[in-house]
PDB file of N, CA and C in Angstrom:
ATOM      1  N   MET A   1       6.101  -7.180   9.485  1.00  0.00           N
ATOM      2  CA  MET A   1       5.219  -6.043   9.301  1.00  0.00           C
ATOM      3  C   MET A   1       3.927  -6.198  10.106  1.00  0.00           C
ATOM      4  N   GLU A   2       3.588  -7.444  10.452  1.00  0.00           N
ATOM      5  CA  GLU A   2       2.382  -7.629  11.266  1.00  0.00           C
ATOM      6  C   GLU A   2       2.499  -6.902  12.606  1.00  0.00           C
ATOM      7  N   GLU A   3       3.743  -6.794  13.106  1.00  0.00           N
ATOM      8  CA  GLU A   3       3.945  -6.091  14.374  1.00  0.00           C
ATOM      9  C   GLU A   3       3.569  -4.616  14.249  1.00  0.00           C
ATOM     10  N   TYR A   4       3.563  -4.129  13.038  1.00  0.00           N
ATOM     11  CA  TYR A   4       3.188  -2.734  12.782  1.00  0.00           C
ATOM     12  C   TYR A   4       1.706  -2.615  12.435  1.00  0.00           C
ATOM     13  N   TYR A   5       1.251  -3.444  11.483  1.00  0.00           N
ATOM     14  CA  TYR A   5      -0.109  -3.291  10.975  1.00  0.00           C
ATOM     15  C   TYR A   5      -1.199  -3.775  11.922  1.00  0.00           C
ATOM     16  N   ASN A   6      -0.952  -4.822  12.683  1.00  0.00           N
ATOM     17  CA  ASN A   6      -2.001  -5.307  13.593  1.00  0.00           C
ATOM     18  C   ASN A   6      -2.361  -4.281  14.665  1.00  0.00           C
ATOM     19  N   PRO A   7      -1.387  -3.731  15.398  1.00  0.00           N
ATOM     20  CA  PRO A   7      -1.749  -2.683  16.373  1.00  0.00           C
ATOM     21  C   PRO A   7      -2.336  -1.439  15.696  1.00  0.00           C
ATOM     22  N   LEU A   8      -1.808  -1.104  14.525  1.00  0.00           N
ATOM     23  CA  LEU A   8      -2.332   0.050  13.804  1.00  0.00           C
ATOM     24  C   LEU A   8      -3.801  -0.156  13.459  1.00  0.00           C
ATOM     25  N   ASN A   9      -4.144  -1.339  13.011  1.00  0.00           N
ATOM     26  CA  ASN A   9      -5.533  -1.625  12.658  1.00  0.00           C
ATOM     27  C   ASN A   9      -6.449  -1.508  13.877  1.00  0.00           C
ATOM     28  N   LEU A  10      -5.984  -1.959  15.031  1.00  0.00           N
ATOM     29  CA  LEU A  10      -6.783  -1.802  16.254  1.00  0.00           C
ATOM     30  C   LEU A  10      -6.983  -0.325  16.586  1.00  0.00           C
ATOM     31  N   ASN A  11      -5.952   0.475  16.417  1.00  0.00           N
ATOM     32  CA  ASN A  11      -6.084   1.913  16.653  1.00  0.00           C
ATOM     33  C   ASN A  11      -7.060   2.556  15.674  1.00  0.00           C
ATOM     34  N   LEU A  12      -7.066   2.064  14.452  1.00  0.00           N
ATOM     35  CA  LEU A  12      -7.983   2.623  13.452  1.00  0.00           C
ATOM     36  C   LEU A  12      -9.432   2.340  13.816  1.00  0.00           C
ATOM     37  N   ILE A  13      -9.685   1.176  14.350  1.00  0.00           N
ATOM     38  CA  ILE A  13     -11.048   0.840  14.786  1.00  0.00           C
ATOM     39  C   ILE A  13     -11.496   1.810  15.878  1.00  0.00           C
ATOM     40  N   ASN A  14     -10.602   2.083  16.817  1.00  0.00           N
ATOM     41  CA  ASN A  14     -10.921   3.043  17.887  1.00  0.00           C
ATOM     42  C   ASN A  14     -11.121   4.447  17.329  1.00  0.00           C
ATOM     43  N   MET A  15     -10.307   4.812  16.351  1.00  0.00           N
ATOM     44  CA  MET A  15     -10.434   6.140  15.748  1.00  0.00           C
ATOM     45  C   MET A  15     -11.767   6.300  15.011  1.00  0.00           C
ATOM     46  N   GLU A  16     -12.217   5.239  14.355  1.00  0.00           N
ATOM     47  CA  GLU A  16     -13.513   5.307  13.660  1.00  0.00           C
ATOM     48  C   GLU A  16     -14.643   5.597  14.645  1.00  0.00           C
ATOM     49  N   LYS A  17     -14.562   5.014  15.813  1.00  0.00           N
ATOM     50  CA  LYS A  17     -15.589   5.254  16.826  1.00  0.00           C
ATOM     51  C   LYS A  17     -15.472   6.668  17.406  1.00  0.00           C
ATOM     52  N   LYS A  18     -14.239   7.079  17.665  1.00  0.00           N
ATOM     53  CA  LYS A  18     -14.007   8.372  18.302  1.00  0.00           C
ATOM     54  C   LYS A  18     -14.330   9.545  17.378  1.00  0.00           C
ATOM     55  N   TYR A  19     -14.020   9.407  16.099  1.00  0.00           N
ATOM     56  CA  TYR A  19     -14.167  10.519  15.157  1.00  0.00           C
ATOM     57  C   TYR A  19     -15.287  10.271  14.145  1.00  0.00           C
ATOM     58  N   VAL A  20     -16.333   9.626  14.600  1.00  0.00           N
ATOM     59  CA  VAL A  20     -17.429   9.254  13.707  1.00  0.00           C
ATOM     60  C   VAL A  20     -18.050  10.469  13.006  1.00  0.00           C
ATOM     61  N   GLU A  21     -17.945  11.637  13.616  1.00  0.00           N
ATOM     62  CA  GLU A  21     -18.534  12.839  13.029  1.00  0.00           C
ATOM     63  C   GLU A  21     -17.488  13.781  12.416  1.00  0.00           C
ATOM     64  N   VAL A  22     -16.298  13.266  12.172  1.00  0.00           N
ATOM     65  CA  VAL A  22     -15.234  14.090  11.574  1.00  0.00           C
ATOM     66  C   VAL A  22     -14.821  13.449  10.249  1.00  0.00           C
ATOM     67  N   PRO A  23     -15.442  13.900   9.151  1.00  0.00           N
ATOM     68  CA  PRO A  23     -15.192  13.263   7.853  1.00  0.00           C
ATOM     69  C   PRO A  23     -13.714  13.232   7.445  1.00  0.00           C
ATOM     70  N   SER A  24     -12.972  14.279   7.724  1.00  0.00           N
ATOM     71  CA  SER A  24     -11.565  14.293   7.316  1.00  0.00           C
ATOM     72  C   SER A  24     -10.765  13.221   8.062  1.00  0.00           C
ATOM     73  N   ALA A  25     -11.084  13.003   9.339  1.00  0.00           N
ATOM     74  CA  ALA A  25     -10.404  11.955  10.105  1.00  0.00           C
ATOM     75  C   ALA A  25     -10.767  10.585   9.557  1.00  0.00           C
ATOM     76  N   LEU A  26     -12.018  10.401   9.208  1.00  0.00           N
ATOM     77  CA  LEU A  26     -12.440   9.116   8.647  1.00  0.00           C
ATOM     78  C   LEU A  26     -11.812   8.868   7.282  1.00  0.00           C
ATOM     79  N   ASP A  27     -11.557   9.934   6.530  1.00  0.00           N
ATOM     80  CA  ASP A  27     -10.856   9.794   5.246  1.00  0.00           C
ATOM     81  C   ASP A  27      -9.439   9.271   5.460  1.00  0.00           C
ATOM     82  N   VAL A  28      -8.772   9.776   6.480  1.00  0.00           N
ATOM     83  CA  VAL A  28      -7.416   9.316   6.790  1.00  0.00           C
ATOM     84  C   VAL A  28      -7.448   7.851   7.229  1.00  0.00           C
ATOM     85  N   VAL A  29      -8.405   7.504   8.064  1.00  0.00           N
ATOM     86  CA  VAL A  29      -8.548   6.112   8.504  1.00  0.00           C
ATOM     87  C   VAL A  29      -8.767   5.208   7.297  1.00  0.00           C
ATOM     88  N   LYS A  30      -9.613   5.629   6.387  1.00  0.00           N
ATOM     89  CA  LYS A  30      -9.888   4.835   5.185  1.00  0.00           C
ATOM     90  C   LYS A  30      -8.625   4.655   4.348  1.00  0.00           C
ATOM     91  N   MET A  31      -7.846   5.703   4.205  1.00  0.00           N
ATOM     92  CA  MET A  31      -6.617   5.640   3.421  1.00  0.00           C
ATOM     93  C   MET A  31      -5.623   4.653   4.054  1.00  0.00           C
ATOM     94  N   ILE A  32      -5.500   4.693   5.358  1.00  0.00           N
ATOM     95  CA  ILE A  32      -4.570   3.791   6.035  1.00  0.00           C
ATOM     96  C   ILE A  32      -5.066   2.355   5.950  1.00  0.00           C
ATOM     97  N   LYS A  33      -6.368   2.156   6.035  1.00  0.00           N
ATOM     98  CA  LYS A  33      -6.924   0.806   5.895  1.00  0.00           C
ATOM     99  C   LYS A  33      -6.674   0.253   4.494  1.00  0.00           C
ATOM    100  N   GLN A  34      -6.701   1.125   3.491  1.00  0.00           N
ATOM    101  CA  GLN A  34      -6.383   0.686   2.132  1.00  0.00           C
ATOM    102  C   GLN A  34      -4.929   0.226   2.041  1.00  0.00           C
ATOM    103  N   GLU A  35      -4.046   0.952   2.710  1.00  0.00           N
ATOM    104  CA  GLU A  35      -2.642   0.539   2.732  1.00  0.00           C
ATOM    105  C   GLU A  35      -2.486  -0.835   3.382  1.00  0.00           C
ATOM    106  N   ILE A  36      -3.192  -1.057   4.479  1.00  0.00           N
ATOM    107  CA  ILE A  36      -3.134  -2.357   5.155  1.00  0.00           C
ATOM    108  C   ILE A  36      -3.652  -3.449   4.229  1.00  0.00           C
ATOM    109  N   SER A  37      -4.705  -3.163   3.514  1.00  0.00           N
ATOM    110  CA  SER A  37      -5.267  -4.145   2.580  1.00  0.00           C
ATOM    111  C   SER A  37      -4.278  -4.481   1.463  1.00  0.00           C
ATOM    112  N   VAL A  38      -3.608  -3.485   0.937  1.00  0.00           N
ATOM    113  CA  VAL A  38      -2.603  -3.730  -0.106  1.00  0.00           C
ATOM    114  C   VAL A  38      -1.504  -4.630   0.448  1.00  0.00           C
ATOM    115  N   TYR A  39      -1.067  -4.339   1.659  1.00  0.00           N
ATOM    116  CA  TYR A  39      -0.037  -5.179   2.271  1.00  0.00           C
ATOM    117  C   TYR A  39      -0.535  -6.613   2.441  1.00  0.00           C
ATOM    118  N   GLN A  40      -1.752  -6.789   2.934  1.00  0.00           N
ATOM    119  CA  GLN A  40      -2.280  -8.131   3.171  1.00  0.00           C
ATOM    120  C   GLN A  40      -2.389  -8.940   1.880  1.00  0.00           C
ATOM    121  N   HIS A  41      -2.734  -8.277   0.789  1.00  0.00           N
ATOM    122  CA  HIS A  41      -2.911  -8.983  -0.479  1.00  0.00           C
ATOM    123  C   HIS A  41      -1.622  -9.117  -1.284  1.00  0.00           C
ATOM    124  N   HIS A  42      -0.644  -8.305  -0.994  1.00  0.00           N
ATOM    125  CA  HIS A  42       0.590  -8.309  -1.792  1.00  0.00           C
ATOM    126  C   HIS A  42       1.833  -8.253  -0.909  1.00  0.00           C
ATOM    127  N   SER A  43       1.810  -8.940   0.216  1.00  0.00           N
ATOM    128  CA  SER A  43       2.912  -8.830   1.175  1.00  0.00           C
ATOM    129  C   SER A  43       4.246  -9.304   0.606  1.00  0.00           C
ATOM    130  N   ASP A  44       4.228 -10.221  -0.363  1.00  0.00           N
ATOM    131  CA  ASP A  44       5.486 -10.676  -0.960  1.00  0.00           C
ATOM    132  C   ASP A  44       6.136  -9.593  -1.817  1.00  0.00           C
ATOM    133  N   ASP A  45       5.333  -8.645  -2.285  1.00  0.00           N
ATOM    134  CA  ASP A  45       5.830  -7.591  -3.159  1.00  0.00           C
ATOM    135  C   ASP A  45       5.882  -6.231  -2.482  1.00  0.00           C
ATOM    136  N   TYR A  46       5.664  -6.184  -1.198  1.00  0.00           N
ATOM    137  CA  TYR A  46       5.475  -4.927  -0.486  1.00  0.00           C
ATOM    138  C   TYR A  46       6.653  -4.666   0.439  1.00  0.00           C
ATOM    139  N   SER A  47       7.167  -3.454   0.379  1.00  0.00           N
ATOM    140  CA  SER A  47       8.241  -3.084   1.299  1.00  0.00           C
ATOM    141  C   SER A  47       8.327  -1.572   1.403  1.00  0.00           C
ATOM    142  N   TYR A  48       9.110  -1.134   2.353  1.00  0.00           N
ATOM    143  CA  TYR A  48       9.361   0.295   2.551  1.00  0.00           C
ATOM    144  C   TYR A  48      10.849   0.563   2.373  1.00  0.00           C
ATOM    145  N   VAL A  49      11.160   1.745   1.926  1.00  0.00           N
ATOM    146  CA  VAL A  49      12.543   2.193   1.841  1.00  0.00           C
ATOM    147  C   VAL A  49      12.615   3.536   2.538  1.00  0.00           C
ATOM    148  N   PHE A  50      13.605   3.692   3.392  1.00  0.00           N
ATOM    149  CA  PHE A  50      13.816   4.951   4.092  1.00  0.00           C
ATOM    150  C   PHE A  50      15.202   5.477   3.750  1.00  0.00           C
ATOM    151  N   TYR A  51      15.285   6.737   3.491  1.00  0.00           N
ATOM    152  CA  TYR A  51      16.555   7.379   3.194  1.00  0.00           C
ATOM    153  C   TYR A  51      16.863   8.397   4.285  1.00  0.00           C
ATOM    154  N   GLY A  52      18.076   8.351   4.776  1.00  0.00           N
ATOM    155  CA  GLY A  52      18.513   9.347   5.745  1.00  0.00           C
ATOM    156  C   GLY A  52      19.307  10.422   5.023  1.00  0.00           C
ATOM    157  N   MET A  53      19.029  11.650   5.324  1.00  0.00           N
ATOM    158  CA  MET A  53      19.722  12.757   4.685  1.00  0.00           C
ATOM    159  C   MET A  53      20.149  13.752   5.750  1.00  0.00           C
ATOM    160  N   ARG A  54      21.151  14.514   5.427  1.00  0.00           N
ATOM    161  CA  ARG A  54      21.549  15.579   6.321  1.00  0.00           C
ATOM    162  C   ARG A  54      21.860  16.816   5.490  1.00  0.00           C
ATOM    163  N   ASN A  55      21.657  17.933   6.077  1.00  0.00           N
ATOM    164  CA  ASN A  55      21.888  19.201   5.415  1.00  0.00           C
ATOM    165  C   ASN A  55      23.327  19.624   5.662  1.00  0.00           C
ATOM    166  N   ARG A  56      24.025  19.928   4.581  1.00  0.00           N
ATOM    167  CA  ARG A  56      25.398  20.402   4.707  1.00  0.00           C
ATOM    168  C   ARG A  56      25.517  21.743   4.001  1.00  0.00           C
ATOM    169  N   PRO A  57      26.332  22.623   4.513  1.00  0.00           N
ATOM    170  CA  PRO A  57      26.530  23.911   3.828  1.00  0.00           C
ATOM    171  C   PRO A  57      27.081  23.697   2.421  1.00  0.00           C
ATOM    172  N   LEU A  58      26.668  24.527   1.494  1.00  0.00           N
ATOM    173  CA  LEU A  58      27.046  24.391   0.096  1.00  0.00           C
ATOM    174  C   LEU A  58      28.554  24.447  -0.102  1.00  0.00           C
ATOM    175  N   PHE A  59      29.265  25.315   0.624  1.00  0.00           N
ATOM    176  CA  PHE A  59      30.698  25.459   0.394  1.00  0.00           C
ATOM    177  C   PHE A  59      31.453  24.165   0.691  1.00  0.00           C
ATOM    178  N   ILE A  60      30.944  23.330   1.594  1.00  0.00           N
ATOM    179  CA  ILE A  60      31.601  22.052   1.886  1.00  0.00           C
ATOM    180  C   ILE A  60      31.470  21.128   0.684  1.00  0.00           C
ATOM    181  N   ASP A  61      30.289  21.089   0.050  1.00  0.00           N
ATOM    182  CA  ASP A  61      30.104  20.251  -1.134  1.00  0.00           C
ATOM    183  C   ASP A  61      31.018  20.705  -2.260  1.00  0.00           C
ATOM    184  N   ILE A  62      31.111  22.014  -2.480  1.00  0.00           N
ATOM    185  CA  ILE A  62      31.969  22.529  -3.542  1.00  0.00           C
ATOM    186  C   ILE A  62      33.421  22.228  -3.212  1.00  0.00           C
ATOM    187  N   PHE A  63      33.832  22.431  -1.975  1.00  0.00           N
ATOM    188  CA  PHE A  63      35.196  22.162  -1.552  1.00  0.00           C
ATOM    189  C   PHE A  63      35.547  20.690  -1.763  1.00  0.00           C
ATOM    190  N   CYS A  64      34.619  19.818  -1.427  1.00  0.00           N
ATOM    191  CA  CYS A  64      34.874  18.387  -1.602  1.00  0.00           C
ATOM    192  C   CYS A  64      35.000  18.020  -3.066  1.00  0.00           C
ATOM    193  N   VAL A  65      34.219  18.637  -3.935  1.00  0.00           N
ATOM    194  CA  VAL A  65      34.284  18.346  -5.362  1.00  0.00           C
ATOM    195  C   VAL A  65      35.597  18.860  -5.948  1.00  0.00           C
ATOM    196  N   ILE A  66      36.069  19.997  -5.512  1.00  0.00           N
ATOM    197  CA  ILE A  66      37.299  20.592  -6.044  1.00  0.00           C
ATOM    198  C   ILE A  66      38.504  19.743  -5.658  1.00  0.00           C
ATOM    199  N   ILE A  67      38.513  19.192  -4.473  1.00  0.00           N
ATOM    200  CA  ILE A  67      39.664  18.392  -4.020  1.00  0.00           C
ATOM    201  C   ILE A  67      39.697  17.173  -4.837  1.00  0.00           C
TER     202      ILE A  67
END
């Protein structure tokens, strides 16, 4: 995860400088920094789960259930 969070943290530092007068952008930066902090303090308990989904027409689901 360091391969993700370390570059992200560097980008956040640049964003703080670039958007110093945009409170909403700084709020997002703060939120992401909090996530990084949680990971740093609880990395043994921290993970992500991703689910892939696809949209199928309803009649296919019904047809599959009937068979």
